[in-house]
PDB file of N, CA and C in Angstrom:
ATOM      1  N   MET A   1     -47.894  54.497  20.982  1.00  0.00           N
ATOM      2  CA  MET A   1     -47.901  53.130  20.541  1.00  0.00           C
ATOM      3  C   MET A   1     -49.038  52.391  21.220  1.00  0.00           C
ATOM      4  N   THR A   2     -49.665  51.644  20.426  1.00  0.00           N
ATOM      5  CA  THR A   2     -50.755  50.881  21.004  1.00  0.00           C
ATOM      6  C   THR A   2     -50.242  49.528  21.426  1.00  0.00           C
ATOM      7  N   SER A   3     -51.061  48.840  22.145  1.00  0.00           N
ATOM      8  CA  SER A   3     -50.632  47.528  22.642  1.00  0.00           C
ATOM      9  C   SER A   3     -50.460  46.530  21.513  1.00  0.00           C
ATOM     10  N   SER A   4     -51.263  46.637  20.462  1.00  0.00           N
ATOM     11  CA  SER A   4     -51.111  45.698  19.350  1.00  0.00           C
ATOM     12  C   SER A   4     -49.815  45.991  18.589  1.00  0.00           C
ATOM     13  N   GLN A   5     -49.450  47.281  18.482  1.00  0.00           N
ATOM     14  CA  GLN A   5     -48.208  47.623  17.814  1.00  0.00           C
ATOM     15  C   GLN A   5     -47.010  47.189  18.643  1.00  0.00           C
ATOM     16  N   SER A   6     -47.122  47.352  19.948  1.00  0.00           N
ATOM     17  CA  SER A   6     -46.010  46.929  20.796  1.00  0.00           C
ATOM     18  C   SER A   6     -45.877  45.410  20.789  1.00  0.00           C
ATOM     19  N   ALA A   7     -46.990  44.703  20.699  1.00  0.00           N
ATOM     20  CA  ALA A   7     -46.933  43.241  20.633  1.00  0.00           C
ATOM     21  C   ALA A   7     -46.300  42.799  19.333  1.00  0.00           C
ATOM     22  N   VAL A   8     -46.612  43.499  18.245  1.00  0.00           N
ATOM     23  CA  VAL A   8     -46.036  43.160  16.941  1.00  0.00           C
ATOM     24  C   VAL A   8     -44.543  43.462  16.941  1.00  0.00           C
ATOM     25  N   SER A   9     -44.188  44.621  17.480  1.00  0.00           N
ATOM     26  CA  SER A   9     -42.771  44.964  17.506  1.00  0.00           C
ATOM     27  C   SER A   9     -42.005  43.996  18.429  1.00  0.00           C
ATOM     28  N   TYR A  10     -42.641  43.563  19.527  1.00  0.00           N
ATOM     29  CA  TYR A  10     -42.007  42.591  20.422  1.00  0.00           C
ATOM     30  C   TYR A  10     -41.819  41.257  19.694  1.00  0.00           C
ATOM     31  N   SER A  11     -42.844  40.805  18.978  1.00  0.00           N
ATOM     32  CA  SER A  11     -42.710  39.540  18.262  1.00  0.00           C
ATOM     33  C   SER A  11     -41.702  39.686  17.125  1.00  0.00           C
ATOM     34  N   ASP A  12     -41.621  40.868  16.498  1.00  0.00           N
ATOM     35  CA  ASP A  12     -40.604  41.100  15.473  1.00  0.00           C
ATOM     36  C   ASP A  12     -39.203  41.027  16.078  1.00  0.00           C
ATOM     37  N   GLN A  13     -39.077  41.589  17.259  1.00  0.00           N
ATOM     38  CA  GLN A  13     -37.780  41.540  17.943  1.00  0.00           C
ATOM     39  C   GLN A  13     -37.415  40.096  18.285  1.00  0.00           C
ATOM     40  N   GLN A  14     -38.406  39.356  18.770  1.00  0.00           N
ATOM     41  CA  GLN A  14     -38.175  37.951  19.107  1.00  0.00           C
ATOM     42  C   GLN A  14     -37.777  37.172  17.865  1.00  0.00           C
ATOM     43  N   LEU A  15     -38.495  37.417  16.752  1.00  0.00           N
ATOM     44  CA  LEU A  15     -38.164  36.745  15.497  1.00  0.00           C
ATOM     45  C   LEU A  15     -36.765  37.118  15.035  1.00  0.00           C
ATOM     46  N   SER A  16     -36.457  38.392  15.178  1.00  0.00           N
ATOM     47  CA  SER A  16     -35.140  38.858  14.779  1.00  0.00           C
ATOM     48  C   SER A  16     -34.057  38.203  15.625  1.00  0.00           C
ATOM     49  N   LYS A  17     -34.284  38.135  16.938  1.00  0.00           N
ATOM     50  CA  LYS A  17     -33.314  37.479  17.827  1.00  0.00           C
ATOM     51  C   LYS A  17     -33.196  35.995  17.514  1.00  0.00           C
ATOM     52  N   SER A  18     -34.331  35.341  17.322  1.00  0.00           N
ATOM     53  CA  SER A  18     -34.261  33.910  17.035  1.00  0.00           C
ATOM     54  C   SER A  18     -33.602  33.665  15.671  1.00  0.00           C
ATOM     55  N   TYR A  19     -33.844  34.561  14.717  1.00  0.00           N
ATOM     56  CA  TYR A  19     -33.202  34.431  13.408  1.00  0.00           C
ATOM     57  C   TYR A  19     -31.689  34.605  13.542  1.00  0.00           C
ATOM     58  N   GLN A  20     -31.270  35.610  14.327  1.00  0.00           N
ATOM     59  CA  GLN A  20     -29.842  35.825  14.555  1.00  0.00           C
ATOM     60  C   GLN A  20     -29.206  34.630  15.248  1.00  0.00           C
ATOM     61  N   GLN A  21     -29.924  34.073  16.218  1.00  0.00           N
ATOM     62  CA  GLN A  21     -29.424  32.916  16.936  1.00  0.00           C
ATOM     63  C   GLN A  21     -29.289  31.724  15.980  1.00  0.00           C
ATOM     64  N   MET A  22     -30.305  31.510  15.144  1.00  0.00           N
ATOM     65  CA  MET A  22     -30.253  30.414  14.174  1.00  0.00           C
ATOM     66  C   MET A  22     -29.113  30.645  13.181  1.00  0.00           C
ATOM     67  N   SER A  23     -28.917  31.873  12.795  1.00  0.00           N
ATOM     68  CA  SER A  23     -27.838  32.209  11.880  1.00  0.00           C
ATOM     69  C   SER A  23     -26.482  31.895  12.525  1.00  0.00           C
ATOM     70  N   ARG A  24     -26.320  32.275  13.798  1.00  0.00           N
ATOM     71  CA  ARG A  24     -25.082  31.965  14.523  1.00  0.00           C
ATOM     72  C   ARG A  24     -24.869  30.463  14.638  1.00  0.00           C
ATOM     73  N   GLU A  25     -25.937  29.758  14.964  1.00  0.00           N
ATOM     74  CA  GLU A  25     -25.839  28.305  15.081  1.00  0.00           C
ATOM     75  C   GLU A  25     -25.470  27.666  13.741  1.00  0.00           C
ATOM     76  N   ALA A  26     -26.061  28.176  12.671  1.00  0.00           N
ATOM     77  CA  ALA A  26     -25.745  27.655  11.345  1.00  0.00           C
ATOM     78  C   ALA A  26     -24.282  27.908  11.005  1.00  0.00           C
ATOM     79  N   GLN A  27     -23.793  29.095  11.326  1.00  0.00           N
ATOM     80  CA  GLN A  27     -22.381  29.409  11.068  1.00  0.00           C
ATOM     81  C   GLN A  27     -21.464  28.518  11.898  1.00  0.00           C
ATOM     82  N   GLU A  28     -21.857  28.302  13.146  1.00  0.00           N
ATOM     83  CA  GLU A  28     -21.068  27.424  14.021  1.00  0.00           C
ATOM     84  C   GLU A  28     -21.039  25.996  13.466  1.00  0.00           C
ATOM     85  N   MET A  29     -22.193  25.527  12.989  1.00  0.00           N
ATOM     86  CA  MET A  29     -22.243  24.188  12.400  1.00  0.00           C
ATOM     87  C   MET A  29     -21.340  24.106  11.164  1.00  0.00           C
ATOM     88  N   LYS A  30     -21.337  25.163  10.345  1.00  0.00           N
ATOM     89  CA  LYS A  30     -20.461  25.198   9.171  1.00  0.00           C
ATOM     90  C   LYS A  30     -18.991  25.140   9.586  1.00  0.00           C
ATOM     91  N   ARG A  31     -18.648  25.912  10.622  1.00  0.00           N
ATOM     92  CA  ARG A  31     -17.273  25.897  11.128  1.00  0.00           C
ATOM     93  C   ARG A  31     -16.877  24.499  11.597  1.00  0.00           C
ATOM     94  N   ARG A  32     -17.799  23.870  12.347  1.00  0.00           N
ATOM     95  CA  ARG A  32     -17.523  22.512  12.838  1.00  0.00           C
ATOM     96  C   ARG A  32     -17.322  21.545  11.686  1.00  0.00           C
ATOM     97  N   ARG A  33     -18.194  21.630  10.662  1.00  0.00           N
ATOM     98  CA  ARG A  33     -18.054  20.751   9.494  1.00  0.00           C
ATOM     99  C   ARG A  33     -16.715  20.982   8.800  1.00  0.00           C
ATOM    100  N   ARG A  34     -16.374  22.275   8.640  1.00  0.00           N
ATOM    101  CA  ARG A  34     -15.095  22.592   8.002  1.00  0.00           C
ATOM    102  C   ARG A  34     -13.927  22.004   8.789  1.00  0.00           C
ATOM    103  N   ARG A  35     -13.971  22.191  10.096  1.00  0.00           N
ATOM    104  CA  ARG A  35     -12.898  21.637  10.940  1.00  0.00           C
ATOM    105  C   ARG A  35     -12.844  20.127  10.822  1.00  0.00           C
ATOM    106  N   ARG A  36     -14.012  19.474  10.883  1.00  0.00           N
ATOM    107  CA  ARG A  36     -14.069  18.023  10.774  1.00  0.00           C
ATOM    108  C   ARG A  36     -13.517  17.573   9.420  1.00  0.00           C
ATOM    109  N   PHE A  37     -13.952  18.272   8.342  1.00  0.00           N
ATOM    110  CA  PHE A  37     -13.475  17.921   7.018  1.00  0.00           C
ATOM    111  C   PHE A  37     -11.965  18.144   6.916  1.00  0.00           C
ATOM    112  N   GLN A  38     -11.510  19.293   7.464  1.00  0.00           N
ATOM    113  CA  GLN A  38     -10.078  19.568   7.423  1.00  0.00           C
ATOM    114  C   GLN A  38      -9.300  18.533   8.214  1.00  0.00           C
ATOM    115  N   SER A  39      -9.824  18.127   9.344  1.00  0.00           N
ATOM    116  CA  SER A  39      -9.126  17.104  10.121  1.00  0.00           C
ATOM    117  C   SER A  39      -9.138  15.773   9.388  1.00  0.00           C
ATOM    118  N   GLN A  40     -10.255  15.467   8.697  1.00  0.00           N
ATOM    119  CA  GLN A  40     -10.291  14.239   7.902  1.00  0.00           C
ATOM    120  C   GLN A  40      -9.289  14.307   6.768  1.00  0.00           C
ATOM    121  N   VAL A  41      -9.229  15.468   6.110  1.00  0.00           N
ATOM    122  CA  VAL A  41      -8.248  15.637   5.035  1.00  0.00           C
ATOM    123  C   VAL A  41      -6.849  15.513   5.596  1.00  0.00           C
ATOM    124  N   THR A  42      -6.640  16.100   6.758  1.00  0.00           N
ATOM    125  CA  THR A  42      -5.338  16.018   7.392  1.00  0.00           C
ATOM    126  C   THR A  42      -4.982  14.574   7.711  1.00  0.00           C
ATOM    127  N   VAL A  43      -5.952  13.808   8.186  1.00  0.00           N
ATOM    128  CA  VAL A  43      -5.709  12.394   8.488  1.00  0.00           C
ATOM    129  C   VAL A  43      -5.375  11.642   7.207  1.00  0.00           C
ATOM    130  N   VAL A  44      -6.137  11.914   6.143  1.00  0.00           N
ATOM    131  CA  VAL A  44      -5.868  11.251   4.865  1.00  0.00           C
ATOM    132  C   VAL A  44      -4.497  11.646   4.347  1.00  0.00           C
ATOM    133  N   GLU A  45      -4.185  12.949   4.422  1.00  0.00           N
ATOM    134  CA  GLU A  45      -2.870  13.404   3.995  1.00  0.00           C
ATOM    135  C   GLU A  45      -1.774  12.759   4.831  1.00  0.00           C
ATOM    136  N   ALA A  46      -2.015  12.666   6.128  1.00  0.00           N
ATOM    137  CA  ALA A  46      -1.025  12.046   7.009  1.00  0.00           C
ATOM    138  C   ALA A  46      -0.832  10.581   6.635  1.00  0.00           C
ATOM    139  N   ASP A  47      -1.942   9.881   6.339  1.00  0.00           N
ATOM    140  CA  ASP A  47      -1.831   8.487   5.911  1.00  0.00           C
ATOM    141  C   ASP A  47      -1.034   8.375   4.619  1.00  0.00           C
ATOM    142  N   LEU A  48      -1.356   9.263   3.672  1.00  0.00           N
ATOM    143  CA  LEU A  48      -0.622   9.249   2.402  1.00  0.00           C
ATOM    144  C   LEU A  48       0.852   9.537   2.623  1.00  0.00           C
ATOM    145  N   MET A  49       1.132  10.529   3.459  1.00  0.00           N
ATOM    146  CA  MET A  49       2.524  10.875   3.731  1.00  0.00           C
ATOM    147  C   MET A  49       3.244   9.732   4.427  1.00  0.00           C
ATOM    148  N   SER A  50       2.560   9.100   5.376  1.00  0.00           N
ATOM    149  CA  SER A  50       3.206   7.986   6.064  1.00  0.00           C
ATOM    150  C   SER A  50       3.433   6.833   5.091  1.00  0.00           C
ATOM    151  N   ASN A  51       2.481   6.616   4.157  1.00  0.00           N
ATOM    152  CA  ASN A  51       2.683   5.573   3.147  1.00  0.00           C
ATOM    153  C   ASN A  51       3.865   5.907   2.249  1.00  0.00           C
ATOM    154  N   VAL A  52       3.962   7.172   1.856  1.00  0.00           N
ATOM    155  CA  VAL A  52       5.083   7.588   1.013  1.00  0.00           C
ATOM    156  C   VAL A  52       6.390   7.423   1.764  1.00  0.00           C
ATOM    157  N   GLU A  53       6.405   7.857   3.020  1.00  0.00           N
ATOM    158  CA  GLU A  53       7.616   7.712   3.830  1.00  0.00           C
ATOM    159  C   GLU A  53       7.962   6.248   4.029  1.00  0.00           C
ATOM    160  N   GLN A  54       6.939   5.425   4.262  1.00  0.00           N
ATOM    161  CA  GLN A  54       7.172   3.998   4.456  1.00  0.00           C
ATOM    162  C   GLN A  54       7.738   3.368   3.179  1.00  0.00           C
ATOM    163  N   GLU A  55       7.176   3.752   2.021  1.00  0.00           N
ATOM    164  CA  GLU A  55       7.700   3.237   0.762  1.00  0.00           C
ATOM    165  C   GLU A  55       9.136   3.695   0.542  1.00  0.00           C
ATOM    166  N   ALA A  56       9.418   4.943   0.894  1.00  0.00           N
ATOM    167  CA  ALA A  56      10.787   5.452   0.761  1.00  0.00           C
ATOM    168  C   ALA A  56      11.729   4.676   1.681  1.00  0.00           C
ATOM    169  N   ASP A  57      11.279   4.429   2.925  1.00  0.00           N
ATOM    170  CA  ASP A  57      12.096   3.640   3.850  1.00  0.00           C
ATOM    171  C   ASP A  57      12.322   2.230   3.315  1.00  0.00           C
ATOM    172  N   ASN A  58      11.249   1.627   2.784  1.00  0.00           N
ATOM    173  CA  ASN A  58      11.378   0.266   2.234  1.00  0.00           C
ATOM    174  C   ASN A  58      12.334   0.243   1.057  1.00  0.00           C
ATOM    175  N   SER A  59      12.214   1.226   0.164  1.00  0.00           N
ATOM    176  CA  SER A  59      13.113   1.241  -0.986  1.00  0.00           C
ATOM    177  C   SER A  59      14.550   1.480  -0.545  1.00  0.00           C
ATOM    178  N   LYS A  60      14.713   2.344   0.470  1.00  0.00           N
ATOM    179  CA  LYS A  60      16.059   2.587   0.997  1.00  0.00           C
ATOM    180  C   LYS A  60      16.615   1.311   1.627  1.00  0.00           C
ATOM    181  N   ARG A  61      15.756   0.636   2.406  1.00  0.00           N
ATOM    182  CA  ARG A  61      16.175  -0.613   3.041  1.00  0.00           C
ATOM    183  C   ARG A  61      16.520  -1.655   1.983  1.00  0.00           C
ATOM    184  N   ASN A  62      15.662  -1.753   0.946  1.00  0.00           N
ATOM    185  CA  ASN A  62      15.938  -2.707  -0.130  1.00  0.00           C
ATOM    186  C   ASN A  62      17.232  -2.351  -0.848  1.00  0.00           C
ATOM    187  N   SER A  63      17.439  -1.055  -1.040  1.00  0.00           N
ATOM    188  CA  SER A  63      18.668  -0.596  -1.683  1.00  0.00           C
ATOM    189  C   SER A  63      19.876  -0.967  -0.830  1.00  0.00           C
ATOM    190  N   GLU A  64      19.745  -0.728   0.480  1.00  0.00           N
ATOM    191  CA  GLU A  64      20.841  -1.071   1.385  1.00  0.00           C
ATOM    192  C   GLU A  64      21.077  -2.567   1.400  1.00  0.00           C
ATOM    193  N   GLU A  65      19.978  -3.344   1.381  1.00  0.00           N
ATOM    194  CA  GLU A  65      20.117  -4.794   1.360  1.00  0.00           C
ATOM    195  C   GLU A  65      20.774  -5.260   0.066  1.00  0.00           C
ATOM    196  N   SER A  66      20.363  -4.667  -1.052  1.00  0.00           N
ATOM    197  CA  SER A  66      20.974  -5.059  -2.318  1.00  0.00           C
ATOM    198  C   SER A  66      22.437  -4.633  -2.354  1.00  0.00           C
ATOM    199  N   ASP A  67      22.747  -3.469  -1.757  1.00  0.00           N
ATOM    200  CA  ASP A  67      24.149  -3.057  -1.654  1.00  0.00           C
ATOM    201  C   ASP A  67      24.933  -4.054  -0.817  1.00  0.00           C
ATOM    202  N   ALA A  68      24.329  -4.503   0.268  1.00  0.00           N
ATOM    203  CA  ALA A  68      24.998  -5.479   1.128  1.00  0.00           C
ATOM    204  C   ALA A  68      25.197  -6.791   0.383  1.00  0.00           C
ATOM    205  N   VAL A  69      24.187  -7.207  -0.381  1.00  0.00           N
ATOM    206  CA  VAL A  69      24.313  -8.441  -1.165  1.00  0.00           C
ATOM    207  C   VAL A  69      25.428  -8.296  -2.183  1.00  0.00           C
ATOM    208  N   LEU A  70      25.478  -7.145  -2.862  1.00  0.00           N
ATOM    209  CA  LEU A  70      26.539  -6.918  -3.848  1.00  0.00           C
ATOM    210  C   LEU A  70      27.913  -6.932  -3.189  1.00  0.00           C
ATOM    211  N   LYS A  71      28.011  -6.294  -2.021  1.00  0.00           N
ATOM    212  CA  LYS A  71      29.286  -6.294  -1.312  1.00  0.00           C
ATOM    213  C   LYS A  71      29.687  -7.711  -0.923  1.00  0.00           C
ATOM    214  N   ASN A  72      28.715  -8.491  -0.435  1.00  0.00           N
ATOM    215  CA  ASN A  72      29.009  -9.874  -0.073  1.00  0.00           C
ATOM    216  C   ASN A  72      29.455 -10.669  -1.292  1.00  0.00           C
ATOM    217  N   GLN A  73      28.784 -10.450  -2.435  1.00  0.00           N
ATOM    218  CA  GLN A  73      29.178 -11.150  -3.652  1.00  0.00           C
ATOM    219  C   GLN A  73      30.585 -10.751  -4.071  1.00  0.00           C
ATOM    220  N   GLN A  74      30.897  -9.467  -3.951  1.00  0.00           N
ATOM    221  CA  GLN A  74      32.249  -9.018  -4.286  1.00  0.00           C
ATOM    222  C   GLN A  74      33.279  -9.647  -3.352  1.00  0.00           C
ATOM    223  N   ILE A  75      32.944  -9.701  -2.076  1.00  0.00           N
ATOM    224  CA  ILE A  75      33.867 -10.310  -1.107  1.00  0.00           C
ATOM    225  C   ILE A  75      34.085 -11.780  -1.450  1.00  0.00           C
ATOM    226  N   VAL A  76      33.010 -12.475  -1.799  1.00  0.00           N
ATOM    227  CA  VAL A  76      33.128 -13.893  -2.161  1.00  0.00           C
ATOM    228  C   VAL A  76      34.007 -14.036  -3.394  1.00  0.00           C
ATOM    229  N   ARG A  77      33.792 -13.158  -4.398  1.00  0.00           N
ATOM    230  CA  ARG A  77      34.629 -13.216  -5.606  1.00  0.00           C
ATOM    231  C   ARG A  77      36.092 -12.997  -5.272  1.00  0.00           C
ATOM    232  N   VAL A  78      36.352 -11.995  -4.442  1.00  0.00           N
ATOM    233  CA  VAL A  78      37.735 -11.703  -4.058  1.00  0.00           C
ATOM    234  C   VAL A  78      38.331 -12.889  -3.313  1.00  0.00           C
ATOM    235  N   GLN A  79      37.552 -13.478  -2.422  1.00  0.00           N
ATOM    236  CA  GLN A  79      38.046 -14.642  -1.688  1.00  0.00           C
ATOM    237  C   GLN A  79      38.334 -15.805  -2.630  1.00  0.00           C
ATOM    238  N   LYS A  80      37.437 -16.014  -3.617  1.00  0.00           N
ATOM    239  CA  LYS A  80      37.667 -17.087  -4.579  1.00  0.00           C
ATOM    240  C   LYS A  80      38.922 -16.822  -5.398  1.00  0.00           C
ATOM    241  N   MET A  81      39.074 -15.557  -5.818  1.00  0.00           N
ATOM    242  CA  MET A  81      40.269 -15.217  -6.590  1.00  0.00           C
ATOM    243  C   MET A  81      41.529 -15.421  -5.753  1.00  0.00           C
ATOM    244  N   ALA A  82      41.454 -15.004  -4.497  1.00  0.00           N
ATOM    245  CA  ALA A  82      42.603 -15.174  -3.599  1.00  0.00           C
ATOM    246  C   ALA A  82      42.893 -16.661  -3.410  1.00  0.00           C
ATOM    247  N   THR A  83      41.841 -17.450  -3.278  1.00  0.00           N
ATOM    248  CA  THR A  83      42.026 -18.895  -3.117  1.00  0.00           C
ATOM    249  C   THR A  83      42.653 -19.492  -4.373  1.00  0.00           C
ATOM    250  N   VAL A  84      42.170 -19.081  -5.535  1.00  0.00           N
ATOM    251  CA  VAL A  84      42.734 -19.588  -6.792  1.00  0.00           C
ATOM    252  C   VAL A  84      44.198 -19.190  -6.906  1.00  0.00           C
ATOM    253  N   GLU A  85      44.500 -17.937  -6.590  1.00  0.00           N
ATOM    254  CA  GLU A  85      45.895 -17.483  -6.626  1.00  0.00           C
ATOM    255  C   GLU A  85      46.753 -18.271  -5.645  1.00  0.00           C
ATOM    256  N   TRP A  86      46.228 -18.507  -4.453  1.00  0.00           N
ATOM    257  CA  TRP A  86      46.978 -19.264  -3.448  1.00  0.00           C
ATOM    258  C   TRP A  86      47.258 -20.673  -3.959  1.00  0.00           C
ATOM    259  N   ILE A  87      46.208 -21.291  -4.558  1.00  0.00           N
ATOM    260  CA  ILE A  87      46.388 -22.647  -5.093  1.00  0.00           C
ATOM    261  C   ILE A  87      47.432 -22.633  -6.204  1.00  0.00           C
ATOM    262  N   GLN A  88      47.374 -21.630  -7.071  1.00  0.00           N
ATOM    263  CA  GLN A  88      48.351 -21.549  -8.153  1.00  0.00           C
ATOM    264  C   GLN A  88      49.756 -21.370  -7.605  1.00  0.00           C
ATOM    265  N   GLN A  89      49.901 -20.545  -6.581  1.00  0.00           N
ATOM    266  CA  GLN A  89      51.214 -20.359  -5.966  1.00  0.00           C
ATOM    267  C   GLN A  89      51.712 -21.664  -5.350  1.00  0.00           C
ATOM    268  N   LYS A  90      50.797 -22.375  -4.672  1.00  0.00           N
ATOM    269  CA  LYS A  90      51.191 -23.647  -4.058  1.00  0.00           C
ATOM    270  C   LYS A  90      51.610 -24.644  -5.128  1.00  0.00           C
ATOM    271  N   ARG A  91      50.867 -24.652  -6.238  1.00  0.00           N
ATOM    272  CA  ARG A  91      51.231 -25.558  -7.327  1.00  0.00           C
ATOM    273  C   ARG A  91      52.601 -25.203  -7.871  1.00  0.00           C
ATOM    274  N   LYS A  92      52.842 -23.890  -8.032  1.00  0.00           N
ATOM    275  CA  LYS A  92      54.148 -23.464  -8.527  1.00  0.00           C
ATOM    276  C   LYS A  92      55.244 -23.871  -7.554  1.00  0.00           C
ATOM    277  N   SER A  93      54.987 -23.592  -6.284  1.00  0.00           N
ATOM    278  CA  SER A  93      56.015 -23.935  -5.300  1.00  0.00           C
ATOM    279  C   SER A  93      56.193 -25.453  -5.224  1.00  0.00           C
ATOM    280  N   PHE A  94      55.078 -26.190  -5.343  1.00  0.00           N
ATOM    281  CA  PHE A  94      55.180 -27.643  -5.353  1.00  0.00           C
ATOM    282  C   PHE A  94      55.954 -28.099  -6.586  1.00  0.00           C
ATOM    283  N   SER A  95      55.671 -27.478  -7.716  1.00  0.00           N
ATOM    284  CA  SER A  95      56.385 -27.827  -8.944  1.00  0.00           C
ATOM    285  C   SER A  95      57.864 -27.528  -8.795  1.00  0.00           C
ATOM    286  N   VAL A  96      58.158 -26.389  -8.221  1.00  0.00           N
ATOM    287  CA  VAL A  96      59.561 -26.025  -8.013  1.00  0.00           C
ATOM    288  C   VAL A  96      60.221 -27.039  -7.087  1.00  0.00           C
ATOM    289  N   ILE A  97      59.580 -27.350  -5.982  1.00  0.00           N
ATOM    290  CA  ILE A  97      60.135 -28.313  -5.018  1.00  0.00           C
ATOM    291  C   ILE A  97      60.281 -29.682  -5.674  1.00  0.00           C
ATOM    292  N   PHE A  98      59.228 -30.072  -6.409  1.00  0.00           N
ATOM    293  CA  PHE A  98      59.278 -31.375  -7.064  1.00  0.00           C
ATOM    294  C   PHE A  98      60.415 -31.418  -8.080  1.00  0.00           C
ATOM    295  N   ASN A  99      60.529 -30.365  -8.868  1.00  0.00           N
ATOM    296  CA  ASN A  99      61.616 -30.315  -9.858  1.00  0.00           C
ATOM    297  C   ASN A  99      62.976 -30.302  -9.181  1.00  0.00           C
ATOM    298  N   GLN A 100      63.092 -29.587  -8.081  1.00  0.00           N
ATOM    299  CA  GLN A 100      64.374 -29.562  -7.360  1.00  0.00           C
ATOM    300  C   GLN A 100      64.716 -30.939  -6.823  1.00  0.00           C
ATOM    301  N   SER A 101      63.706 -31.615  -6.265  1.00  0.00           N
ATOM    302  CA  SER A 101      63.995 -32.948  -5.721  1.00  0.00           C
ATOM    303  C   SER A 101      64.324 -33.919  -6.857  1.00  0.00           C
ATOM    304  N   ARG A 102      63.678 -33.774  -7.997  1.00  0.00           N
ATOM    305  CA  ARG A 102      63.972 -34.641  -9.135  1.00  0.00           C
ATOM    306  C   ARG A 102      65.378 -34.377  -9.637  1.00  0.00           C
ATOM    307  N   MET A 103      65.738 -33.105  -9.689  1.00  0.00           N
ATOM    308  CA  MET A 103      67.100 -32.770 -10.117  1.00  0.00           C
ATOM    309  C   MET A 103      68.110 -33.316  -9.121  1.00  0.00           C
ATOM    310  N   HIS A 104      67.781 -33.225  -7.846  1.00  0.00           N
ATOM    311  CA  HIS A 104      68.677 -33.759  -6.820  1.00  0.00           C
ATOM    312  C   HIS A 104      68.840 -35.268  -6.998  1.00  0.00           C
ATOM    313  N   SER A 105      67.720 -35.929  -7.259  1.00  0.00           N
ATOM    314  CA  SER A 105      67.785 -37.387  -7.469  1.00  0.00           C
ATOM    315  C   SER A 105      68.650 -37.702  -8.674  1.00  0.00           C
ATOM    316  N   LYS A 106      68.499 -36.963  -9.730  1.00  0.00           N
ATOM    317  CA  LYS A 106      69.319 -37.193 -10.920  1.00  0.00           C
ATOM    318  C   LYS A 106      70.801 -37.001 -10.605  1.00  0.00           C
ATOM    319  N   ARG A 107      71.097 -35.947  -9.848  1.00  0.00           N
ATOM    320  CA  ARG A 107      72.485 -35.672  -9.496  1.00  0.00           C
ATOM    321  C   ARG A 107      73.045 -36.816  -8.660  1.00  0.00           C
ATOM    322  N   CYS A 108      72.186 -37.284  -7.742  1.00  0.00           N
ATOM    323  CA  CYS A 108      72.649 -38.391  -6.905  1.00  0.00           C
ATOM    324  C   CYS A 108      72.928 -39.637  -7.773  1.00  0.00           C
ATOM    325  N   ARG A 109      72.050 -39.908  -8.697  1.00  0.00           N
ATOM    326  CA  ARG A 109      72.280 -41.061  -9.589  1.00  0.00           C
ATOM    327  C   ARG A 109      73.516 -40.875 -10.433  1.00  0.00           C
ATOM    328  N   LEU A 110      73.673 -39.653 -10.919  1.00  0.00           N
ATOM    329  CA  LEU A 110      74.869 -39.386 -11.707  1.00  0.00           C
ATOM    330  C   LEU A 110      76.129 -39.529 -10.870  1.00  0.00           C
ATOM    331  N   ASN A 111      76.043 -39.062  -9.622  1.00  0.00           N
ATOM    332  CA  ASN A 111      77.195 -39.153  -8.730  1.00  0.00           C
ATOM    333  C   ASN A 111      77.514 -40.610  -8.429  1.00  0.00           C
ATOM    334  N   LYS A 112      76.514 -41.473  -8.354  1.00  0.00           N
ATOM    335  CA  LYS A 112      76.744 -42.889  -8.101  1.00  0.00           C
ATOM    336  C   LYS A 112      77.460 -43.507  -9.293  1.00  0.00           C
ATOM    337  N   LEU A 113      77.058 -43.031 -10.458  1.00  0.00           N
ATOM    338  CA  LEU A 113      77.668 -43.584 -11.660  1.00  0.00           C
ATOM    339  C   LEU A 113      79.110 -43.140 -11.810  1.00  0.00           C
ATOM    340  N   ILE A 114      79.425 -42.008 -11.310  1.00  0.00           N
ATOM    341  CA  ILE A 114      80.769 -41.503 -11.486  1.00  0.00           C
ATOM    342  C   ILE A 114      81.678 -42.107 -10.484  1.00  0.00           C
TER     343      ILE A 114
END
């Protein structure tokens, strides 16, 4: 081997090594980009999932609130019905008492006449 051939083969080796190094660096950069993109996608997916979960929680909360409102309305209706029934019973009992006292008064008047 002559010195010019050895110099050429040395520079070829250097080029080959530098090419391999550049190739490795390029692959590493691709890996980093992929990881970054995947992490960005993961963040976006996480945001979407958290939004979906938040909407589900809100709808559940709204559903629970509407259930509570319906229950309260039912309780109010039942209380009103109970109040109306109580008033009707009191009126009946008052009517009965009033009629009894009126009958008693009539009897007393009749007894005075006799």
